[in-house]
């Protein structure tokens, strides 16, 4: 709070032998409060483009004339580092450019730039939100982290990847794949509203995804995300406002429908097929009738709180997400979706970490006969990042609509894999043990053993209310509280993991 020259004298110890009391006296000398005089930026940029002065200055929480504050120096370093342009940010006092006075000190901001332009090609992995699936593929990228001189980041990418690889390996399912191309753009500082900084991220994305048989989803996406970091003392660290515009076309829907009906075994089977594909049929009919430029507009708000000590292998802290999204003015996607998830981690010893997870979500779907819920917004249960006793997307609570052997295999497979649910509840408890570095074996084996982990886990939960309509355009049945309790599925098991420089790999 301005007392830059504050210090203290050597502690003085007084011993009272009669009362048997020891006292320690420390005298603090605050000195005169000082303010910030000048702030100078030192850019270690090489032959690259510098970030503009205004961008750097506006990301400082401390300005000339302010009282000195160590807390504001730290938050300013965090702001500048979050731009993604600098490899190293250091703010310290300096008299190299201007002399100190008895009431002012000066600051120097050292900025060591990272390599701003990159070209890359190689393998990548990610996890989809809807299916919680692990995807693996190839990616080519060209990126620039300071394209217009204001720390704006832009990247062009081409991707081809297989979806939910574990299903292909362990369940012998046919490979689902997707091709993507597009441009990502990030403006880290768009506005300053009071003490709040607002950034913008956007992209233009075109994708082609094989869904089932000959059915393919061609999607053009244009999202806008306005992001802001909240004060450090708040439970949530970040808030995002999302506007999502999309044109999605179920390619070859008529051909896929004919293929489905050709495999029907009975009239009831045909009726079930019609009900099963209605969620895509509504979209196909809307496009062919109205020929809209865009089929979906969605608004969302998302809160994130992250206090983990390590995002890949956390030992302590939590990751919490609270989100809401849904229909925004126009389009066929007429729904509102709520989702909450949180993970907690506690390091009980140097080699033992306890983790817990809770996730719950709900979709309110209205005007069902004339609308759809985008596939990536469905809830699914089962798989490596869900209730691990069931295969990916294969866990749900049946009531009023059950798959049976009289239905064709193609219908049952489509329903299980590509029609999700409106309600989700999951929880888990996990104990992770990591081996120490034993001294009784050789150095090489000790190095390897130290990277292994063993996990014991208990999972519970289920997905409810299949997004399938009856002939009246409504859900087949209504669920009661008892149904949600009776439907909870439980699984327990163990896993092994290995920590590599690229990240951890786990097999449960």
Protein backbone atom coordinates (compact mmCIF):
# COMPACT_ATOMS: atom_id res chain seq x y z
CA UNK A 1 0.00 0.00 0.00
CA UNK A 2 2.73 2.43 -0.94
CA UNK A 3 5.30 1.48 1.70
CA UNK A 4 8.02 0.36 -0.65
CA UNK A 5 10.83 1.16 1.83
CA UNK A 6 9.23 -0.63 4.78
CA UNK A 7 11.62 -2.82 6.80
CA UNK A 8 12.14 -4.00 10.37
CA UNK A 9 14.86 -4.07 13.00
CA UNK A 10 16.40 -7.26 14.32
CA UNK A 11 14.00 -9.07 16.67
CA UNK A 12 14.59 -8.50 20.38
CA UNK A 13 13.97 -11.39 22.78
CA UNK A 14 13.00 -10.75 26.41
CA UNK A 15 12.95 -13.64 28.90
CA UNK A 16 10.94 -13.39 32.14
CA UNK A 17 12.31 -16.16 34.37
CA UNK A 18 9.79 -15.53 37.14
CA UNK A 19 6.67 -15.80 34.98
CA UNK A 20 8.40 -18.22 32.60
CA UNK A 21 7.38 -16.16 29.57
CA UNK A 22 9.48 -15.46 26.49
CA UNK A 23 8.58 -12.37 24.45
CA UNK A 24 9.77 -11.39 20.99
CA UNK A 25 9.61 -7.73 19.94
CA UNK A 26 9.90 -6.68 16.29
CA UNK A 27 9.95 -3.00 15.37
CA UNK A 28 8.68 -2.15 11.89
CA UNK A 29 9.65 1.04 10.10
CA UNK A 30 7.18 1.83 7.32
CA UNK A 31 8.99 4.78 5.85
CA UNK A 32 7.29 7.32 3.62
CA UNK A 33 4.65 6.02 1.17
CA UNK A 34 5.73 6.32 -2.46
CA UNK A 35 3.92 6.47 -5.77
CA UNK A 36 4.76 5.23 -9.24
CA UNK A 37 6.63 7.82 -11.31
CA UNK A 38 7.41 6.37 -14.74
CA UNK A 39 6.83 2.98 -16.37
CA UNK A 40 9.16 1.81 -19.14
CA UNK A 41 8.72 -1.24 -21.37
CA UNK A 42 11.76 -3.27 -22.44
CA UNK A 43 10.86 -5.49 -25.43
CA UNK A 44 13.11 -8.43 -26.21
CA UNK A 45 11.51 -9.11 -29.57
CA UNK A 46 14.27 -10.01 -32.03
CA UNK A 47 13.19 -9.47 -35.64
CA UNK A 48 9.50 -9.90 -34.84
CA UNK A 49 6.65 -7.39 -34.69
CA UNK A 50 6.26 -5.52 -31.38
CA UNK A 51 3.01 -5.41 -29.47
CA UNK A 52 1.59 -1.88 -29.47
CA UNK A 53 2.18 0.38 -26.46
CA UNK A 54 -1.53 0.89 -25.69
CA UNK A 55 -2.17 -2.86 -25.46
CA UNK A 56 0.70 -3.34 -23.02
CA UNK A 57 -0.20 -0.25 -20.98
CA UNK A 58 -3.90 -1.14 -20.74
CA UNK A 59 -3.03 -4.55 -19.32
CA UNK A 60 -1.28 -2.98 -16.33
CA UNK A 61 -3.26 -2.76 -13.10
CA UNK A 62 -0.83 -0.15 -11.76
CA UNK A 63 -0.31 3.23 -13.44
CA UNK A 64 1.86 6.33 -12.91
CA UNK A 65 0.57 8.23 -9.89
CA UNK A 66 -0.72 5.10 -8.10
CA UNK A 67 0.61 4.05 -4.72
CA UNK A 68 3.12 1.21 -4.97
CA UNK A 69 1.40 -2.19 -4.62
CA UNK A 70 3.07 -5.58 -4.85
CA UNK A 71 -0.34 -7.18 -5.43
CA UNK A 72 -0.99 -4.99 -8.48
CA UNK A 73 2.46 -5.78 -9.87
CA UNK A 74 1.65 -9.49 -9.70
CA UNK A 75 -1.79 -9.08 -11.33
CA UNK A 76 -0.20 -6.96 -14.09
CA UNK A 77 2.29 -9.74 -14.82
CA UNK A 78 -0.60 -12.22 -15.02
CA UNK A 79 -2.50 -9.94 -17.44
CA UNK A 80 0.46 -9.57 -19.78
CA UNK A 81 1.32 -13.28 -19.65
CA UNK A 82 -2.27 -14.20 -20.54
CA UNK A 83 -1.93 -12.42 -23.90
CA UNK A 84 0.02 -15.47 -25.10
CA UNK A 85 2.61 -13.33 -26.91
CA UNK A 86 5.30 -13.27 -24.23
CA UNK A 87 7.45 -16.11 -23.00
CA UNK A 88 8.58 -14.18 -19.92
CA UNK A 89 7.11 -11.16 -18.12
CA UNK A 90 8.89 -9.44 -15.23
CA UNK A 91 8.01 -6.12 -13.56
CA UNK A 92 10.51 -4.57 -11.15
CA UNK A 93 11.69 -1.22 -9.89
CA UNK A 94 14.37 0.48 -11.98
CA UNK A 95 16.24 3.78 -12.03
CA UNK A 96 17.91 3.06 -15.39
CA UNK A 97 15.66 5.48 -17.31
CA UNK A 98 14.51 7.92 -14.60
CA UNK A 99 15.87 8.67 -11.14
CA UNK A 100 13.90 7.92 -7.99
CA UNK A 101 12.71 10.77 -5.77
CA UNK A 102 11.82 10.73 -2.10
CA UNK A 103 8.16 10.17 -3.03
CA UNK A 104 8.29 8.25 -6.35
CA UNK A 105 9.82 5.11 -7.79
CA UNK A 106 9.90 3.88 -11.38
CA UNK A 107 9.05 0.53 -12.93
CA UNK A 108 10.59 -1.43 -15.79
CA UNK A 109 8.50 -4.06 -17.59
CA UNK A 110 10.66 -6.73 -19.22
CA UNK A 111 8.88 -8.58 -22.04
CA UNK A 112 10.61 -11.55 -23.62
CA UNK A 113 8.66 -12.48 -26.77
CA UNK A 114 7.99 -16.07 -27.76
CA UNK A 115 8.20 -17.20 -31.38
CA UNK A 116 5.19 -15.47 -32.91
CA UNK A 117 4.72 -17.37 -36.16
CA UNK A 118 4.48 -21.16 -36.23
CA UNK A 119 3.83 -23.86 -38.79
CA UNK A 120 2.90 -27.30 -37.57
CA UNK A 121 1.82 -30.71 -38.78
CA UNK A 122 1.36 -33.86 -36.75
CA UNK A 123 -0.87 -36.01 -34.59
CA UNK A 124 -3.30 -34.51 -32.11
CA UNK A 125 -5.83 -35.73 -29.55
CA UNK A 126 -8.84 -34.01 -28.01
CA UNK A 127 -12.02 -34.83 -26.13
CA UNK A 128 -15.51 -33.97 -27.38
CA UNK A 129 -18.01 -32.44 -24.98
CA UNK A 130 -21.07 -34.45 -26.01
CA UNK A 131 -19.79 -38.01 -26.20
CA UNK A 132 -16.83 -37.40 -23.82
CA UNK A 133 -14.88 -39.29 -26.45
CA UNK A 134 -11.17 -39.38 -27.16
CA UNK A 135 -10.44 -38.40 -30.77
CA UNK A 136 -7.16 -38.92 -32.62
CA UNK A 137 -6.14 -37.44 -35.95
CA UNK A 138 -3.80 -35.34 -38.07
CA UNK A 139 -3.61 -31.56 -38.07
CA UNK A 140 -1.87 -28.87 -40.12
CA UNK A 141 -1.74 -25.34 -38.67
CA UNK A 142 -0.33 -21.91 -39.48
CA UNK A 143 -0.50 -19.45 -36.59
CA UNK A 144 0.54 -15.88 -35.79
CA UNK A 145 0.33 -14.61 -32.19
CA UNK A 146 0.61 -10.91 -33.05
CA UNK A 147 -0.91 -10.61 -36.48
CA UNK A 148 -2.07 -6.96 -36.28
CA UNK A 149 0.35 -5.67 -33.63
CA UNK A 150 -2.19 -5.76 -30.81
CA UNK A 151 -1.40 -9.27 -29.49
CA UNK A 152 -4.16 -10.66 -31.71
CA UNK A 153 -3.76 -14.34 -32.50
CA UNK A 154 -4.92 -15.98 -35.73
CA UNK A 155 -4.50 -19.51 -37.01
CA UNK A 156 -5.53 -21.51 -40.05
CA UNK A 157 -6.04 -25.25 -39.64
CA UNK A 158 -6.86 -28.45 -41.49
CA UNK A 159 -7.86 -31.53 -39.48
CA UNK A 160 -8.87 -35.11 -40.16
CA UNK A 161 -9.59 -37.33 -37.19
CA UNK A 162 -11.34 -40.43 -35.97
CA UNK A 163 -14.03 -39.98 -33.32
CA UNK A 164 -14.20 -42.03 -30.12
CA UNK A 165 -11.27 -44.30 -30.90
CA UNK A 166 -11.91 -46.52 -27.87
CA UNK A 167 -15.18 -47.72 -29.49
CA UNK A 168 -13.26 -48.85 -32.56
CA UNK A 169 -10.55 -50.63 -30.56
CA UNK A 170 -12.55 -52.27 -27.77
CA UNK A 171 -16.07 -52.56 -29.21
CA UNK A 172 -15.20 -53.12 -32.88
CA UNK A 173 -17.53 -50.34 -33.98
CA UNK A 174 -17.14 -48.81 -37.43
CA UNK A 175 -14.94 -45.73 -37.51
CA UNK A 176 -16.65 -42.35 -37.28
CA UNK A 177 -14.57 -39.60 -38.81
CA UNK A 178 -14.66 -35.87 -39.37
CA UNK A 179 -12.86 -33.35 -41.58
CA UNK A 180 -12.48 -29.74 -40.46
CA UNK A 181 -10.99 -26.59 -41.89
CA UNK A 182 -11.21 -23.04 -40.65
CA UNK A 183 -9.65 -19.99 -39.06
CA UNK A 184 -9.43 -19.12 -35.36
CA UNK A 185 -9.06 -15.53 -34.17
CA UNK A 186 -8.38 -14.12 -30.69
CA UNK A 187 -8.49 -10.46 -29.64
CA UNK A 188 -7.29 -10.65 -26.00
CA UNK A 189 -8.31 -7.08 -25.13
CA UNK A 190 -11.39 -5.69 -26.84
CA UNK A 191 -12.91 -3.39 -24.20
CA UNK A 192 -12.20 -2.15 -20.69
CA UNK A 193 -15.40 -1.72 -18.68
CA UNK A 194 -14.52 -0.23 -15.31
CA UNK A 195 -11.78 -2.51 -14.02
CA UNK A 196 -12.91 -5.43 -16.17
CA UNK A 197 -11.12 -6.41 -19.36
CA UNK A 198 -13.14 -8.12 -22.08
CA UNK A 199 -11.60 -10.21 -24.86
CA UNK A 200 -13.05 -11.70 -28.04
CA UNK A 201 -12.46 -15.07 -29.67
CA UNK A 202 -14.08 -16.29 -32.85
CA UNK A 203 -13.65 -18.77 -35.66
CA UNK A 204 -15.00 -19.72 -39.03
CA UNK A 205 -15.28 -23.49 -39.25
CA UNK A 206 -16.48 -25.92 -41.90
CA UNK A 207 -16.77 -29.60 -41.02
CA UNK A 208 -17.98 -32.83 -42.58
CA UNK A 209 -18.83 -35.63 -40.17
CA UNK A 210 -19.90 -39.16 -40.99
CA UNK A 211 -22.73 -39.94 -38.58
CA UNK A 212 -24.18 -43.30 -39.54
CA UNK A 213 -24.33 -45.36 -42.72
CA UNK A 214 -24.66 -42.80 -45.55
CA UNK A 215 -25.87 -40.00 -43.24
CA UNK A 216 -23.41 -37.13 -43.03
CA UNK A 217 -23.54 -33.77 -41.24
CA UNK A 218 -22.10 -30.80 -43.14
CA UNK A 219 -21.72 -27.88 -40.76
CA UNK A 220 -20.68 -24.25 -41.13
CA UNK A 221 -20.08 -22.61 -37.75
CA UNK A 222 -19.46 -19.01 -36.72
CA UNK A 223 -19.11 -18.62 -32.92
CA UNK A 224 -18.38 -15.40 -31.02
CA UNK A 225 -17.07 -15.59 -27.46
CA UNK A 226 -16.63 -12.57 -25.18
CA UNK A 227 -14.40 -13.52 -22.24
CA UNK A 228 -13.42 -11.79 -19.05
CA UNK A 229 -11.32 -12.78 -16.07
CA UNK A 230 -13.00 -12.22 -12.71
CA UNK A 231 -11.23 -11.02 -9.53
CA UNK A 232 -8.95 -13.59 -7.90
CA UNK A 233 -11.06 -13.74 -4.73
CA UNK A 234 -14.20 -14.93 -6.56
CA UNK A 235 -15.23 -18.60 -6.75
CA UNK A 236 -15.26 -18.47 -10.56
CA UNK A 237 -12.18 -17.11 -12.34
CA UNK A 238 -13.64 -16.56 -15.81
CA UNK A 239 -16.96 -15.69 -17.43
CA UNK A 240 -17.78 -16.19 -21.12
CA UNK A 241 -20.71 -14.92 -23.18
CA UNK A 242 -21.21 -17.04 -26.31
CA UNK A 243 -23.11 -16.33 -29.51
CA UNK A 244 -23.19 -19.33 -31.80
CA UNK A 245 -24.44 -19.26 -35.40
CA UNK A 246 -24.55 -22.39 -37.52
CA UNK A 247 -25.75 -23.91 -40.74
CA UNK A 248 -26.01 -27.69 -40.40
CA UNK A 249 -27.22 -29.90 -43.24
CA UNK A 250 -27.97 -33.63 -42.82
CA UNK A 251 -26.46 -34.71 -46.13
CA UNK A 252 -27.96 -37.78 -47.83
CA UNK A 253 -30.79 -37.87 -45.30
CA UNK A 254 -33.28 -39.26 -47.83
CA UNK A 255 -30.88 -42.04 -48.85
CA UNK A 256 -30.10 -42.88 -45.23
CA UNK A 257 -33.83 -42.97 -44.39
CA UNK A 258 -34.52 -45.39 -47.24
CA UNK A 259 -31.68 -47.59 -45.98
CA UNK A 260 -33.16 -47.58 -42.48
CA UNK A 261 -36.68 -48.45 -43.66
CA UNK A 262 -35.34 -51.19 -45.94
CA UNK A 263 -33.99 -52.93 -42.83
CA UNK A 264 -37.29 -52.74 -40.92
CA UNK A 265 -38.61 -56.11 -39.74
CA UNK A 266 -42.19 -55.04 -39.01
CA UNK A 267 -44.64 -52.15 -39.02
CA UNK A 268 -43.68 -51.40 -35.42
CA UNK A 269 -40.06 -51.37 -36.50
CA UNK A 270 -40.86 -48.85 -39.26
CA UNK A 271 -42.66 -46.65 -36.74
CA UNK A 272 -39.66 -46.81 -34.45
CA UNK A 273 -37.35 -45.82 -37.30
CA UNK A 274 -39.51 -42.80 -38.08
CA UNK A 275 -39.44 -41.75 -34.42
CA UNK A 276 -35.70 -42.35 -34.17
CA UNK A 277 -34.64 -40.19 -37.10
CA UNK A 278 -37.17 -37.42 -36.39
CA UNK A 279 -34.55 -35.28 -34.66
CA UNK A 280 -32.60 -35.10 -37.95
CA UNK A 281 -35.73 -35.25 -40.12
CA UNK A 282 -37.07 -32.00 -38.65
CA UNK A 283 -33.85 -30.25 -39.64
CA UNK A 284 -33.89 -31.71 -43.17
CA UNK A 285 -37.52 -30.65 -43.69
CA UNK A 286 -36.79 -27.13 -42.40
CA UNK A 287 -33.90 -26.69 -44.86
CA UNK A 288 -35.83 -28.00 -47.86
CA UNK A 289 -38.91 -25.89 -47.03
CA UNK A 290 -37.46 -22.52 -46.03
CA UNK A 291 -33.92 -22.63 -47.52
CA UNK A 292 -32.44 -20.60 -44.62
CA UNK A 293 -28.92 -19.21 -44.64
CA UNK A 294 -28.44 -20.31 -41.02
CA UNK A 295 -30.24 -23.12 -39.21
CA UNK A 296 -29.21 -22.40 -35.63
CA UNK A 297 -28.60 -19.43 -33.34
CA UNK A 298 -27.58 -20.07 -29.75
CA UNK A 299 -26.74 -17.83 -26.82
CA UNK A 300 -24.78 -19.12 -23.86
CA UNK A 301 -23.10 -18.02 -20.65
CA UNK A 302 -20.33 -19.99 -19.01
CA UNK A 303 -18.57 -19.65 -15.64
CA UNK A 304 -15.25 -21.40 -14.94
CA UNK A 305 -13.33 -21.67 -11.69
CA UNK A 306 -9.90 -23.31 -11.80
CA UNK A 307 -7.54 -23.55 -8.83
CA UNK A 308 -5.68 -26.73 -9.85
CA UNK A 309 -1.94 -26.77 -9.32
CA UNK A 310 -1.46 -28.70 -12.59
CA UNK A 311 -4.04 -28.96 -15.42
CA UNK A 312 -2.78 -32.37 -16.61
CA UNK A 313 -1.94 -34.18 -13.36
CA UNK A 314 -3.55 -32.16 -10.55
CA UNK A 315 -2.72 -32.90 -6.94
CA UNK A 316 -4.81 -30.20 -5.30
CA UNK A 317 -7.44 -27.63 -6.20
CA UNK A 318 -10.69 -27.78 -8.15
CA UNK A 319 -12.11 -27.24 -11.63
CA UNK A 320 -15.73 -26.05 -11.72
CA UNK A 321 -17.88 -25.21 -14.73
CA UNK A 322 -21.42 -23.81 -14.79
CA UNK A 323 -23.04 -23.15 -18.16
CA UNK A 324 -26.35 -22.31 -19.80
CA UNK A 325 -27.13 -22.15 -23.52
CA UNK A 326 -30.13 -22.27 -25.80
CA UNK A 327 -32.36 -20.76 -28.47
CA UNK A 328 -31.53 -17.22 -29.57
CA UNK A 329 -34.02 -15.37 -31.83
CA UNK A 330 -34.14 -17.70 -34.85
CA UNK A 331 -33.37 -21.19 -36.11
CA UNK A 332 -34.47 -24.78 -35.59
CA UNK A 333 -32.55 -25.47 -32.38
CA UNK A 334 -35.31 -24.81 -29.85
CA UNK A 335 -33.95 -25.89 -26.50
CA UNK A 336 -32.39 -24.60 -23.28
CA UNK A 337 -29.54 -26.51 -21.69
CA UNK A 338 -28.07 -26.33 -18.18
CA UNK A 339 -24.83 -28.06 -17.23
CA UNK A 340 -22.79 -28.13 -14.02
CA UNK A 341 -19.58 -30.06 -13.41
CA UNK A 342 -16.90 -29.91 -10.76
CA UNK A 343 -13.76 -31.85 -9.91
CA UNK A 344 -11.89 -31.66 -6.61
CA UNK A 345 -8.39 -32.92 -5.74
CA UNK A 346 -6.69 -33.40 -2.36
CA UNK A 347 -3.05 -34.51 -1.90
CA UNK A 348 -3.24 -36.61 1.26
CA UNK A 349 0.43 -37.63 1.05
CA UNK A 350 3.29 -37.13 -1.40
CA UNK A 351 2.20 -40.29 -3.24
CA UNK A 352 -1.57 -40.39 -2.69
CA UNK A 353 -4.16 -38.07 -4.29
CA UNK A 354 -7.91 -38.32 -3.72
CA UNK A 355 -10.25 -36.97 -6.39
CA UNK A 356 -14.02 -36.50 -6.65
CA UNK A 357 -16.27 -35.48 -9.54
CA UNK A 358 -19.91 -34.43 -9.98
CA UNK A 359 -21.73 -33.57 -13.20
CA UNK A 360 -25.38 -32.88 -13.81
CA UNK A 361 -27.23 -31.47 -16.80
CA UNK A 362 -30.70 -30.94 -18.20
CA UNK A 363 -32.15 -30.04 -21.62
CA UNK A 364 -35.55 -28.41 -21.98
CA UNK A 365 -36.68 -29.13 -25.56
CA UNK A 366 -39.75 -27.26 -26.78
CA UNK A 367 -41.78 -27.38 -30.01
CA UNK A 368 -40.39 -30.89 -30.49
CA UNK A 369 -42.30 -31.69 -33.70
CA UNK A 370 -40.79 -28.69 -35.49
CA UNK A 371 -37.30 -28.42 -34.03
CA UNK A 372 -34.19 -30.34 -33.07
CA UNK A 373 -31.43 -30.39 -30.46
CA UNK A 374 -27.94 -30.22 -32.05
CA UNK A 375 -26.12 -33.52 -31.68
CA UNK A 376 -23.16 -31.92 -29.89
CA UNK A 377 -25.57 -30.69 -27.17
CA UNK A 378 -26.99 -34.14 -26.31
CA UNK A 379 -26.05 -35.83 -23.05
CA UNK A 380 -24.43 -39.29 -23.19
CA UNK A 381 -23.22 -41.59 -20.42
CA UNK A 382 -20.67 -44.39 -20.37
CA UNK A 383 -17.05 -44.47 -21.44
CA UNK A 384 -13.60 -43.53 -20.20
CA UNK A 385 -14.61 -40.07 -18.94
CA UNK A 386 -18.01 -41.08 -17.59
CA UNK A 387 -19.28 -44.18 -15.76
CA UNK A 388 -16.43 -46.50 -16.73
CA UNK A 389 -18.30 -49.79 -16.32
CA UNK A 390 -20.15 -49.15 -19.60
CA UNK A 391 -18.94 -48.54 -23.12
CA UNK A 392 -19.05 -45.06 -24.60
CA UNK A 393 -22.63 -43.77 -25.16
CA UNK A 394 -24.14 -47.13 -24.11
CA UNK A 395 -25.43 -46.26 -20.63
CA UNK A 396 -28.95 -44.87 -20.24
CA UNK A 397 -32.00 -45.57 -18.10
CA UNK A 398 -34.78 -47.23 -20.13
CA UNK A 399 -38.37 -46.47 -19.32
CA UNK A 400 -41.20 -46.68 -21.82
CA UNK A 401 -38.90 -47.25 -24.78
CA UNK A 402 -36.69 -50.31 -24.85
CA UNK A 403 -34.55 -51.81 -27.57
CA UNK A 404 -35.54 -55.36 -28.41
CA UNK A 405 -34.46 -58.12 -30.75
CA UNK A 406 -37.44 -57.60 -33.05
CA UNK A 407 -35.98 -54.30 -34.21
CA UNK A 408 -33.34 -54.28 -36.91
CA UNK A 409 -29.74 -54.04 -35.75
CA UNK A 410 -29.20 -50.89 -37.80
CA UNK A 411 -32.01 -49.09 -35.94
CA UNK A 412 -30.81 -50.17 -32.50
CA UNK A 413 -27.24 -49.15 -33.29
CA UNK A 414 -28.32 -45.74 -34.57
CA UNK A 415 -30.48 -45.08 -31.51
CA UNK A 416 -27.75 -46.01 -29.05
CA UNK A 417 -24.95 -44.08 -30.70
CA UNK A 418 -26.50 -40.97 -32.24
CA UNK A 419 -29.58 -40.04 -30.21
CA UNK A 420 -28.68 -38.68 -26.80
CA UNK A 421 -30.59 -37.83 -23.64
CA UNK A 422 -32.04 -34.76 -21.97
CA UNK A 423 -30.86 -35.42 -18.40
CA UNK A 424 -27.52 -36.48 -16.96
CA UNK A 425 -26.20 -37.20 -13.49
CA UNK A 426 -22.73 -38.58 -12.76
CA UNK A 427 -20.41 -38.74 -9.79
CA UNK A 428 -17.17 -40.53 -9.00
CA UNK A 429 -14.54 -40.99 -6.32
CA UNK A 430 -10.98 -41.84 -7.31
CA UNK A 431 -7.78 -42.64 -5.43
CA UNK A 432 -4.54 -42.22 -7.36
CA UNK A 433 -1.30 -43.72 -6.09
CA UNK A 434 2.05 -42.76 -7.51
CA UNK A 435 5.18 -44.80 -6.92
CA UNK A 436 8.08 -43.18 -5.16
CA UNK A 437 11.66 -43.42 -6.27
CA UNK A 438 13.01 -46.57 -4.62
CA UNK A 439 16.68 -46.53 -3.71
CA UNK A 440 17.14 -50.29 -3.80
CA UNK A 441 16.94 -50.62 -7.60
CA UNK A 442 19.02 -49.14 -10.39
CA UNK A 443 18.64 -45.53 -11.52
CA UNK A 444 17.07 -46.42 -14.89
CA UNK A 445 14.34 -48.61 -13.38
CA UNK A 446 13.76 -46.09 -10.59
CA UNK A 447 13.22 -43.33 -13.17
CA UNK A 448 10.64 -45.46 -15.01
CA UNK A 449 8.83 -46.70 -11.89
CA UNK A 450 8.44 -43.13 -10.64
CA UNK A 451 6.31 -42.31 -13.71
CA UNK A 452 3.71 -45.06 -13.12
CA UNK A 453 0.40 -44.48 -11.31
CA UNK A 454 -2.26 -46.87 -10.03
CA UNK A 455 -5.90 -45.78 -9.70
CA UNK A 456 -8.88 -47.18 -7.79
CA UNK A 457 -12.26 -45.66 -8.67
CA UNK A 458 -15.99 -45.79 -7.98
CA UNK A 459 -18.40 -44.28 -10.54
CA UNK A 460 -22.16 -43.78 -10.36
CA UNK A 461 -24.77 -42.09 -12.53
CA UNK A 462 -26.87 -42.42 -15.66
CA UNK A 463 -28.44 -40.59 -18.60
CA UNK A 464 -32.22 -40.21 -18.66
CA UNK A 465 -35.04 -39.19 -21.02
CA UNK A 466 -34.05 -40.35 -24.46
CA UNK A 467 -34.55 -37.62 -27.09
CA UNK A 468 -37.08 -39.75 -28.99
CA UNK A 469 -40.60 -38.57 -29.77
CA UNK A 470 -43.84 -40.52 -29.80
CA UNK A 471 -46.51 -40.06 -32.48
CA UNK A 472 -47.77 -36.93 -30.66
CA UNK A 473 -44.37 -35.28 -30.77
CA UNK A 474 -43.64 -35.67 -27.06
CA UNK A 475 -41.45 -37.90 -24.90
CA UNK A 476 -42.76 -41.43 -24.38
CA UNK A 477 -42.97 -41.22 -20.59
CA UNK A 478 -42.47 -38.77 -17.76
CA UNK A 479 -39.85 -39.52 -15.14
CA UNK A 480 -40.40 -39.34 -11.39
CA UNK A 481 -37.83 -38.72 -8.67
CA UNK A 482 -37.95 -42.43 -7.88
CA UNK A 483 -37.00 -43.24 -11.48
CA UNK A 484 -33.89 -41.08 -11.24
CA UNK A 485 -32.84 -42.81 -8.02
CA UNK A 486 -33.58 -46.35 -9.25
CA UNK A 487 -31.75 -45.65 -12.48
CA UNK A 488 -28.38 -44.88 -10.89
CA UNK A 489 -25.80 -47.31 -12.25
CA UNK A 490 -22.60 -48.04 -10.30
CA UNK A 491 -19.21 -49.31 -11.36
CA UNK A 492 -15.90 -49.82 -9.62
CA UNK A 493 -12.51 -50.72 -10.99
CA UNK A 494 -8.84 -49.89 -11.23
CA UNK A 495 -6.45 -48.40 -13.73
CA UNK A 496 -2.81 -47.80 -14.50
CA UNK A 497 -1.20 -44.69 -15.89
CA UNK A 498 2.12 -43.52 -17.25
CA UNK A 499 3.32 -39.92 -17.20
CA UNK A 500 5.17 -38.71 -20.30
CA UNK A 501 6.49 -35.28 -21.37
CA UNK A 502 3.48 -35.03 -23.72
CA UNK A 503 1.03 -35.70 -20.88
CA UNK A 504 -0.36 -38.65 -18.92
CA UNK A 505 -1.82 -41.80 -20.48
CA UNK A 506 -4.35 -43.88 -18.53
CA UNK A 507 -5.95 -47.29 -19.03
CA UNK A 508 -8.92 -48.06 -16.73
